[in-house]
Amino acid sequence: MNAAEYRAAAERLLAKDRYSYQAITPYDFRKAEILAQLAVSAAISETAEARDTAPAQH
């Protein structure tokens, strides 16, 4: 998964229609928190990779 996919997964988890289900549980919140952390890590990796593969500008 890339950063955008991790972020979207976290947002979907927290944006469920809670009227049809229940309040956000600590378990759901923790899963969303982990997905958000993975999104940040993936974004950092993607940025570093793009910087390393970008042609040098002189």
PDB file of N, CA and C in Angstrom:
ATOM      1  N   MET A   1       0.846  -1.182   0.000  1.00  0.00           N
ATOM      2  CA  MET A   1       0.000   0.000   0.000  1.00  0.00           C
ATOM      3  C   MET A   1       0.887   1.239   0.000  1.00  0.00           C
ATOM      4  N   ASN A   2       0.376   2.298  -0.600  1.00  0.00           N
ATOM      5  CA  ASN A   2       1.120   3.553  -0.569  1.00  0.00           C
ATOM      6  C   ASN A   2       0.488   4.489   0.469  1.00  0.00           C
ATOM      7  N   ALA A   3       1.067   5.657   0.640  1.00  0.00           N
ATOM      8  CA  ALA A   3       0.610   6.587   1.673  1.00  0.00           C
ATOM      9  C   ALA A   3      -0.861   6.952   1.502  1.00  0.00           C
ATOM     10  N   ALA A   4      -1.284   7.211   0.283  1.00  0.00           N
ATOM     11  CA  ALA A   4      -2.674   7.599   0.046  1.00  0.00           C
ATOM     12  C   ALA A   4      -3.641   6.469   0.401  1.00  0.00           C
ATOM     13  N   GLU A   5      -3.249   5.253   0.105  1.00  0.00           N
ATOM     14  CA  GLU A   5      -4.112   4.107   0.426  1.00  0.00           C
ATOM     15  C   GLU A   5      -4.217   3.887   1.933  1.00  0.00           C
ATOM     16  N   TYR A   6      -3.112   4.031   2.659  1.00  0.00           N
ATOM     17  CA  TYR A   6      -3.162   3.919   4.119  1.00  0.00           C
ATOM     18  C   TYR A   6      -4.057   5.002   4.715  1.00  0.00           C
ATOM     19  N   ARG A   7      -3.898   6.233   4.218  1.00  0.00           N
ATOM     20  CA  ARG A   7      -4.709   7.341   4.735  1.00  0.00           C
ATOM     21  C   ARG A   7      -6.192   7.107   4.455  1.00  0.00           C
ATOM     22  N   ALA A   8      -6.502   6.674   3.252  1.00  0.00           N
ATOM     23  CA  ALA A   8      -7.899   6.414   2.899  1.00  0.00           C
ATOM     24  C   ALA A   8      -8.490   5.311   3.773  1.00  0.00           C
ATOM     25  N   ALA A   9      -7.706   4.284   4.065  1.00  0.00           N
ATOM     26  CA  ALA A   9      -8.179   3.198   4.923  1.00  0.00           C
ATOM     27  C   ALA A   9      -8.480   3.705   6.331  1.00  0.00           C
ATOM     28  N   ALA A  10      -7.608   4.554   6.856  1.00  0.00           N
ATOM     29  CA  ALA A  10      -7.833   5.119   8.190  1.00  0.00           C
ATOM     30  C   ALA A  10      -9.075   5.996   8.197  1.00  0.00           C
ATOM     31  N   GLU A  11      -9.243   6.808   7.171  1.00  0.00           N
ATOM     32  CA  GLU A  11     -10.412   7.682   7.101  1.00  0.00           C
ATOM     33  C   GLU A  11     -11.699   6.875   6.968  1.00  0.00           C
ATOM     34  N   ARG A  12     -11.689   5.827   6.158  1.00  0.00           N
ATOM     35  CA  ARG A  12     -12.882   4.983   6.002  1.00  0.00           C
ATOM     36  C   ARG A  12     -13.259   4.342   7.321  1.00  0.00           C
ATOM     37  N   LEU A  13     -12.260   3.911   8.063  1.00  0.00           N
ATOM     38  CA  LEU A  13     -12.516   3.247   9.334  1.00  0.00           C
ATOM     39  C   LEU A  13     -13.221   4.182  10.313  1.00  0.00           C
ATOM     40  N   LEU A  14     -12.802   5.433  10.353  1.00  0.00           N
ATOM     41  CA  LEU A  14     -13.372   6.383  11.306  1.00  0.00           C
ATOM     42  C   LEU A  14     -14.614   7.093  10.780  1.00  0.00           C
ATOM     43  N   ALA A  15     -14.835   7.051   9.474  1.00  0.00           N
ATOM     44  CA  ALA A  15     -15.957   7.778   8.886  1.00  0.00           C
ATOM     45  C   ALA A  15     -17.143   6.873   8.571  1.00  0.00           C
ATOM     46  N   LYS A  16     -17.126   5.661   9.067  1.00  0.00           N
ATOM     47  CA  LYS A  16     -18.256   4.770   8.857  1.00  0.00           C
ATOM     48  C   LYS A  16     -19.524   5.438   9.372  1.00  0.00           C
ATOM     49  N   ASP A  17     -20.628   5.030   8.838  1.00  0.00           N
ATOM     50  CA  ASP A  17     -21.907   5.542   9.323  1.00  0.00           C
ATOM     51  C   ASP A  17     -22.151   4.976  10.718  1.00  0.00           C
ATOM     52  N   ARG A  18     -21.795   5.742  11.723  1.00  0.00           N
ATOM     53  CA  ARG A  18     -21.870   5.257  13.106  1.00  0.00           C
ATOM     54  C   ARG A  18     -23.311   5.159  13.617  1.00  0.00           C
ATOM     55  N   TYR A  19     -24.269   5.769  12.926  1.00  0.00           N
ATOM     56  CA  TYR A  19     -25.664   5.615  13.319  1.00  0.00           C
ATOM     57  C   TYR A  19     -26.139   4.200  13.028  1.00  0.00           C
ATOM     58  N   SER A  20     -25.616   3.600  11.986  1.00  0.00           N
ATOM     59  CA  SER A  20     -25.985   2.236  11.622  1.00  0.00           C
ATOM     60  C   SER A  20     -25.196   1.211  12.434  1.00  0.00           C
ATOM     61  N   TYR A  21     -24.048   1.621  12.906  1.00  0.00           N
ATOM     62  CA  TYR A  21     -23.199   0.693  13.644  1.00  0.00           C
ATOM     63  C   TYR A  21     -23.177   1.102  15.114  1.00  0.00           C
ATOM     64  N   GLN A  22     -22.073   1.582  15.579  1.00  0.00           N
ATOM     65  CA  GLN A  22     -21.909   1.973  16.975  1.00  0.00           C
ATOM     66  C   GLN A  22     -20.945   3.139  17.041  1.00  0.00           C
ATOM     67  N   ALA A  23     -20.687   3.577  18.237  1.00  0.00           N
ATOM     68  CA  ALA A  23     -19.663   4.604  18.434  1.00  0.00           C
ATOM     69  C   ALA A  23     -18.311   4.005  18.064  1.00  0.00           C
ATOM     70  N   ILE A  24     -17.365   4.856  17.789  1.00  0.00           N
ATOM     71  CA  ILE A  24     -16.017   4.381  17.462  1.00  0.00           C
ATOM     72  C   ILE A  24     -15.458   3.677  18.697  1.00  0.00           C
ATOM     73  N   THR A  25     -15.054   2.457  18.506  1.00  0.00           N
ATOM     74  CA  THR A  25     -14.506   1.681  19.620  1.00  0.00           C
ATOM     75  C   THR A  25     -13.017   1.978  19.763  1.00  0.00           C
ATOM     76  N   PRO A  26     -12.475   1.733  20.946  1.00  0.00           N
ATOM     77  CA  PRO A  26     -11.024   1.907  21.103  1.00  0.00           C
ATOM     78  C   PRO A  26     -10.241   1.044  20.112  1.00  0.00           C
ATOM     79  N   TYR A  27     -10.765  -0.133  19.797  1.00  0.00           N
ATOM     80  CA  TYR A  27     -10.101  -1.026  18.841  1.00  0.00           C
ATOM     81  C   TYR A  27     -10.068  -0.386  17.453  1.00  0.00           C
ATOM     82  N   ASP A  28     -11.216   0.167  16.995  1.00  0.00           N
ATOM     83  CA  ASP A  28     -11.263   0.839  15.697  1.00  0.00           C
ATOM     84  C   ASP A  28     -10.343   2.055  15.684  1.00  0.00           C
ATOM     85  N   PHE A  29     -10.346   2.818  16.767  1.00  0.00           N
ATOM     86  CA  PHE A  29      -9.502   3.999  16.836  1.00  0.00           C
ATOM     87  C   PHE A  29      -8.038   3.604  16.752  1.00  0.00           C
ATOM     88  N   ARG A  30      -7.665   2.537  17.434  1.00  0.00           N
ATOM     89  CA  ARG A  30      -6.267   2.080  17.413  1.00  0.00           C
ATOM     90  C   ARG A  30      -5.876   1.623  16.012  1.00  0.00           C
ATOM     91  N   LYS A  31      -6.772   0.896  15.331  1.00  0.00           N
ATOM     92  CA  LYS A  31      -6.481   0.464  13.959  1.00  0.00           C
ATOM     93  C   LYS A  31      -6.282   1.685  13.058  1.00  0.00           C
ATOM     94  N   ALA A  32      -7.128   2.694  13.209  1.00  0.00           N
ATOM     95  CA  ALA A  32      -7.001   3.904  12.400  1.00  0.00           C
ATOM     96  C   ALA A  32      -5.700   4.630  12.717  1.00  0.00           C
ATOM     97  N   GLU A  33      -5.326   4.635  13.984  1.00  0.00           N
ATOM     98  CA  GLU A  33      -4.067   5.280  14.386  1.00  0.00           C
ATOM     99  C   GLU A  33      -2.866   4.577  13.747  1.00  0.00           C
ATOM    100  N   ILE A  34      -2.894   3.258  13.734  1.00  0.00           N
ATOM    101  CA  ILE A  34      -1.807   2.493  13.116  1.00  0.00           C
ATOM    102  C   ILE A  34      -1.760   2.769  11.616  1.00  0.00           C
ATOM    103  N   LEU A  35      -2.925   2.790  10.959  1.00  0.00           N
ATOM    104  CA  LEU A  35      -2.962   3.084   9.531  1.00  0.00           C
ATOM    105  C   LEU A  35      -2.427   4.484   9.245  1.00  0.00           C
ATOM    106  N   ALA A  36      -2.746   5.448  10.105  1.00  0.00           N
ATOM    107  CA  ALA A  36      -2.246   6.814   9.923  1.00  0.00           C
ATOM    108  C   ALA A  36      -0.727   6.851  10.075  1.00  0.00           C
ATOM    109  N   GLN A  37      -0.195   6.108  11.037  1.00  0.00           N
ATOM    110  CA  GLN A  37       1.258   6.047  11.211  1.00  0.00           C
ATOM    111  C   GLN A  37       1.926   5.408  10.003  1.00  0.00           C
ATOM    112  N   LEU A  38       1.302   4.371   9.472  1.00  0.00           N
ATOM    113  CA  LEU A  38       1.842   3.732   8.264  1.00  0.00           C
ATOM    114  C   LEU A  38       1.792   4.696   7.081  1.00  0.00           C
ATOM    115  N   ALA A  39       0.743   5.515   7.007  1.00  0.00           N
ATOM    116  CA  ALA A  39       0.640   6.497   5.921  1.00  0.00           C
ATOM    117  C   ALA A  39       1.784   7.499   5.996  1.00  0.00           C
ATOM    118  N   VAL A  40       2.099   7.952   7.196  1.00  0.00           N
ATOM    119  CA  VAL A  40       3.207   8.905   7.363  1.00  0.00           C
ATOM    120  C   VAL A  40       4.528   8.255   6.960  1.00  0.00           C
ATOM    121  N   SER A  41       4.750   7.043   7.423  1.00  0.00           N
ATOM    122  CA  SER A  41       5.990   6.341   7.073  1.00  0.00           C
ATOM    123  C   SER A  41       6.102   6.117   5.574  1.00  0.00           C
ATOM    124  N   ALA A  42       4.996   5.720   4.956  1.00  0.00           N
ATOM    125  CA  ALA A  42       5.006   5.493   3.508  1.00  0.00           C
ATOM    126  C   ALA A  42       5.262   6.795   2.762  1.00  0.00           C
ATOM    127  N   ALA A  43       4.671   7.895   3.232  1.00  0.00           N
ATOM    128  CA  ALA A  43       4.883   9.187   2.574  1.00  0.00           C
ATOM    129  C   ALA A  43       6.349   9.604   2.651  1.00  0.00           C
ATOM    130  N   ILE A  44       6.956   9.378   3.797  1.00  0.00           N
ATOM    131  CA  ILE A  44       8.381   9.708   3.956  1.00  0.00           C
ATOM    132  C   ILE A  44       9.217   8.862   3.004  1.00  0.00           C
ATOM    133  N   SER A  45       8.920   7.578   2.925  1.00  0.00           N
ATOM    134  CA  SER A  45       9.665   6.680   2.025  1.00  0.00           C
ATOM    135  C   SER A  45       9.464   7.075   0.572  1.00  0.00           C
ATOM    136  N   GLU A  46       8.226   7.394   0.211  1.00  0.00           N
ATOM    137  CA  GLU A  46       7.940   7.791  -1.167  1.00  0.00           C
ATOM    138  C   GLU A  46       8.664   9.077  -1.535  1.00  0.00           C
ATOM    139  N   THR A  47       8.731  10.012  -0.606  1.00  0.00           N
ATOM    140  CA  THR A  47       9.427  11.276  -0.854  1.00  0.00           C
ATOM    141  C   THR A  47      10.924  11.037  -1.024  1.00  0.00           C
ATOM    142  N   ALA A  48      11.496  10.212  -0.160  1.00  0.00           N
ATOM    143  CA  ALA A  48      12.923   9.912  -0.252  1.00  0.00           C
ATOM    144  C   ALA A  48      13.230   9.185  -1.552  1.00  0.00           C
ATOM    145  N   GLU A  49      12.368   8.261  -1.920  1.00  0.00           N
ATOM    146  CA  GLU A  49      12.578   7.524  -3.164  1.00  0.00           C
ATOM    147  C   GLU A  49      12.487   8.452  -4.377  1.00  0.00           C
ATOM    148  N   ALA A  50      11.521   9.352  -4.362  1.00  0.00           N
ATOM    149  CA  ALA A  50      11.369  10.299  -5.476  1.00  0.00           C
ATOM    150  C   ALA A  50      12.582  11.222  -5.555  1.00  0.00           C
ATOM    151  N   ARG A  51      13.095  11.622  -4.407  1.00  0.00           N
ATOM    152  CA  ARG A  51      14.271  12.507  -4.376  1.00  0.00           C
ATOM    153  C   ARG A  51      15.494  11.773  -4.925  1.00  0.00           C
ATOM    154  N   ASP A  52      15.620  10.492  -4.599  1.00  0.00           N
ATOM    155  CA  ASP A  52      16.766   9.716  -5.056  1.00  0.00           C
ATOM    156  C   ASP A  52      16.710   9.404  -6.552  1.00  0.00           C
ATOM    157  N   THR A  53      15.517   9.289  -7.105  1.00  0.00           N
ATOM    158  CA  THR A  53      15.383   8.939  -8.515  1.00  0.00           C
ATOM    159  C   THR A  53      15.209  10.156  -9.424  1.00  0.00           C
ATOM    160  N   ALA A  54      15.021  11.328  -8.835  1.00  0.00           N
ATOM    161  CA  ALA A  54      14.850  12.537  -9.639  1.00  0.00           C
ATOM    162  C   ALA A  54      16.191  12.914 -10.281  1.00  0.00           C
ATOM    163  N   PRO A  55      16.141  13.386 -11.515  1.00  0.00           N
ATOM    164  CA  PRO A  55      17.401  13.805 -12.148  1.00  0.00           C
ATOM    165  C   PRO A  55      18.004  15.010 -11.436  1.00  0.00           C
ATOM    166  N   ALA A  56      19.314  15.009 -11.326  1.00  0.00           N
ATOM    167  CA  ALA A  56      20.002  16.102 -10.648  1.00  0.00           C
ATOM    168  C   ALA A  56      19.851  17.385 -11.465  1.00  0.00           C
ATOM    169  N   GLN A  57      19.576  18.454 -10.743  1.00  0.00           N
ATOM    170  CA  GLN A  57      19.447  19.765 -11.407  1.00  0.00           C
ATOM    171  C   GLN A  57      20.670  20.597 -11.075  1.00  0.00           C
ATOM    172  N   HIS A  58      21.433  20.925 -12.091  1.00  0.00           N
ATOM    173  CA  HIS A  58      22.658  21.730 -11.866  1.00  0.00           C
ATOM    174  C   HIS A  58      22.536  23.039 -12.580  1.00  0.00           C
TER     175      HIS A  58
END
